[in-house]
């Protein structure tokens, strides 16, 4: 994320989640897994939630653009990430059952 922010502005919403925070995210429907099954629960965290800045949660286009930049930077760095807009990493954004456009995790 330190490299990606050089190319697109975003804010970090969440990195590490403890047990209470993870289970709250699950209860709200913001996560599909309970503690300790999320990569957010590792320390250091292997997942991060970021939003484009200035933030517009409703702007899918901003999230797609940001994700493209983040994924490109990761690829250049030799990192494999999974994005919450393409969980199965097939490049088809229409086949997702759970969109989490702010979420990125190390695979």
Protein backbone atom coordinates (compact mmCIF):
# COMPACT_ATOMS: atom_id res chain seq x y z
CA UNK A 1 0.00 0.00 0.00
CA UNK A 2 2.94 2.31 0.64
CA UNK A 3 3.90 2.01 -3.03
CA UNK A 4 0.34 2.15 -4.42
CA UNK A 5 -0.49 5.41 -2.67
CA UNK A 6 2.19 7.09 -4.79
CA UNK A 7 -0.12 6.58 -7.79
CA UNK A 8 -3.67 6.87 -6.40
CA UNK A 9 -4.92 8.57 -3.25
CA UNK A 10 -6.78 6.42 -0.72
CA UNK A 11 -7.43 6.10 2.99
CA UNK A 12 -6.82 2.96 5.03
CA UNK A 13 -10.04 2.00 6.79
CA UNK A 14 -8.91 -1.21 8.47
CA UNK A 15 -5.90 -3.45 8.79
CA UNK A 16 -5.67 -5.81 11.78
CA UNK A 17 -8.93 -6.80 13.49
CA UNK A 18 -9.05 -8.31 16.94
CA UNK A 19 -11.66 -10.92 17.90
CA UNK A 20 -14.32 -8.42 18.95
CA UNK A 21 -13.95 -6.27 15.84
CA UNK A 22 -13.93 -9.26 13.48
CA UNK A 23 -17.06 -10.75 14.99
CA UNK A 24 -18.79 -7.35 14.82
CA UNK A 25 -17.85 -7.09 11.11
CA UNK A 26 -19.31 -10.57 10.61
CA UNK A 27 -22.52 -9.67 12.48
CA UNK A 28 -22.97 -6.52 10.35
CA UNK A 29 -22.48 -8.52 7.15
CA UNK A 30 -19.21 -6.77 6.31
CA UNK A 31 -17.31 -10.04 6.54
CA UNK A 32 -18.20 -13.61 5.65
CA UNK A 33 -16.04 -15.17 8.37
CA UNK A 34 -15.77 -15.04 12.14
CA UNK A 35 -12.59 -14.65 14.14
CA UNK A 36 -9.92 -16.05 13.60
CA UNK A 37 -10.68 -17.02 9.97
CA UNK A 38 -9.99 -13.63 8.34
CA UNK A 39 -6.62 -12.51 7.05
CA UNK A 40 -7.39 -9.31 8.98
CA UNK A 41 -6.91 -11.34 12.17
CA UNK A 42 -3.26 -12.16 11.58
CA UNK A 43 -0.60 -9.96 13.10
CA UNK A 44 0.78 -8.38 11.13
CA UNK A 45 -2.41 -8.30 9.10
CA UNK A 46 -2.42 -9.95 5.67
CA UNK A 47 -5.50 -7.89 4.66
CA UNK A 48 -6.39 -4.24 4.44
CA UNK A 49 -9.51 -2.26 3.61
CA UNK A 50 -8.92 1.00 1.73
CA UNK A 51 -11.20 3.58 0.13
CA UNK A 52 -10.49 6.08 -2.64
CA UNK A 53 -9.87 9.61 -1.42
CA UNK A 54 -11.89 11.74 -1.37
CA UNK A 55 -14.09 8.88 -0.26
CA UNK A 56 -17.28 8.03 -2.08
CA UNK A 57 -18.48 4.60 -0.94
CA UNK A 58 -21.14 4.58 -3.67
CA UNK A 59 -18.68 5.13 -6.55
CA UNK A 60 -17.87 1.67 -7.92
CA UNK A 61 -15.83 3.31 -10.68
CA UNK A 62 -13.46 4.88 -8.13
CA UNK A 63 -13.00 1.51 -6.43
CA UNK A 64 -12.36 -0.26 -9.76
CA UNK A 65 -9.77 2.34 -10.76
CA UNK A 66 -8.08 2.15 -7.36
CA UNK A 67 -8.08 -1.65 -7.47
CA UNK A 68 -6.46 -1.62 -10.90
CA UNK A 69 -3.65 0.57 -9.61
CA UNK A 70 -3.16 -1.48 -6.44
CA UNK A 71 -3.16 -4.79 -8.33
CA UNK A 72 -0.72 -3.44 -10.95
CA UNK A 73 1.67 -2.18 -8.30
CA UNK A 74 1.50 -5.51 -6.46
CA UNK A 75 2.20 -7.43 -9.65
CA UNK A 76 5.23 -5.23 -10.39
CA UNK A 77 6.46 -5.97 -6.87
CA UNK A 78 6.01 -9.73 -7.33
CA UNK A 79 3.11 -9.93 -4.85
CA UNK A 80 -0.10 -11.86 -5.39
CA UNK A 81 -3.19 -10.14 -4.01
CA UNK A 82 -6.87 -10.99 -3.96
CA UNK A 83 -9.31 -8.11 -4.27
CA UNK A 84 -12.83 -8.18 -2.80
CA UNK A 85 -14.29 -7.21 -6.18
CA UNK A 86 -12.86 -10.32 -7.85
CA UNK A 87 -12.55 -13.02 -5.18
CA UNK A 88 -11.87 -15.83 -7.65
CA UNK A 89 -9.30 -13.68 -9.51
CA UNK A 90 -10.75 -14.50 -12.94
CA UNK A 91 -11.10 -10.88 -14.13
CA UNK A 92 -14.91 -11.16 -14.24
CA UNK A 93 -16.38 -8.70 -11.75
CA UNK A 94 -19.99 -9.73 -12.48
CA UNK A 95 -19.73 -13.22 -10.96
CA UNK A 96 -19.18 -12.15 -7.35
CA UNK A 97 -21.71 -13.05 -4.67
CA UNK A 98 -20.14 -10.74 -2.08
CA UNK A 99 -18.61 -7.43 -3.14
CA UNK A 100 -16.06 -6.00 -0.74
CA UNK A 101 -14.50 -3.42 -3.01
CA UNK A 102 -12.35 -1.94 -0.23
CA UNK A 103 -10.69 -5.28 0.62
CA UNK A 104 -7.26 -6.51 -0.48
CA UNK A 105 -5.43 -9.52 0.90
CA UNK A 106 -2.17 -11.34 0.33
CA UNK A 107 -2.68 -14.74 -1.29
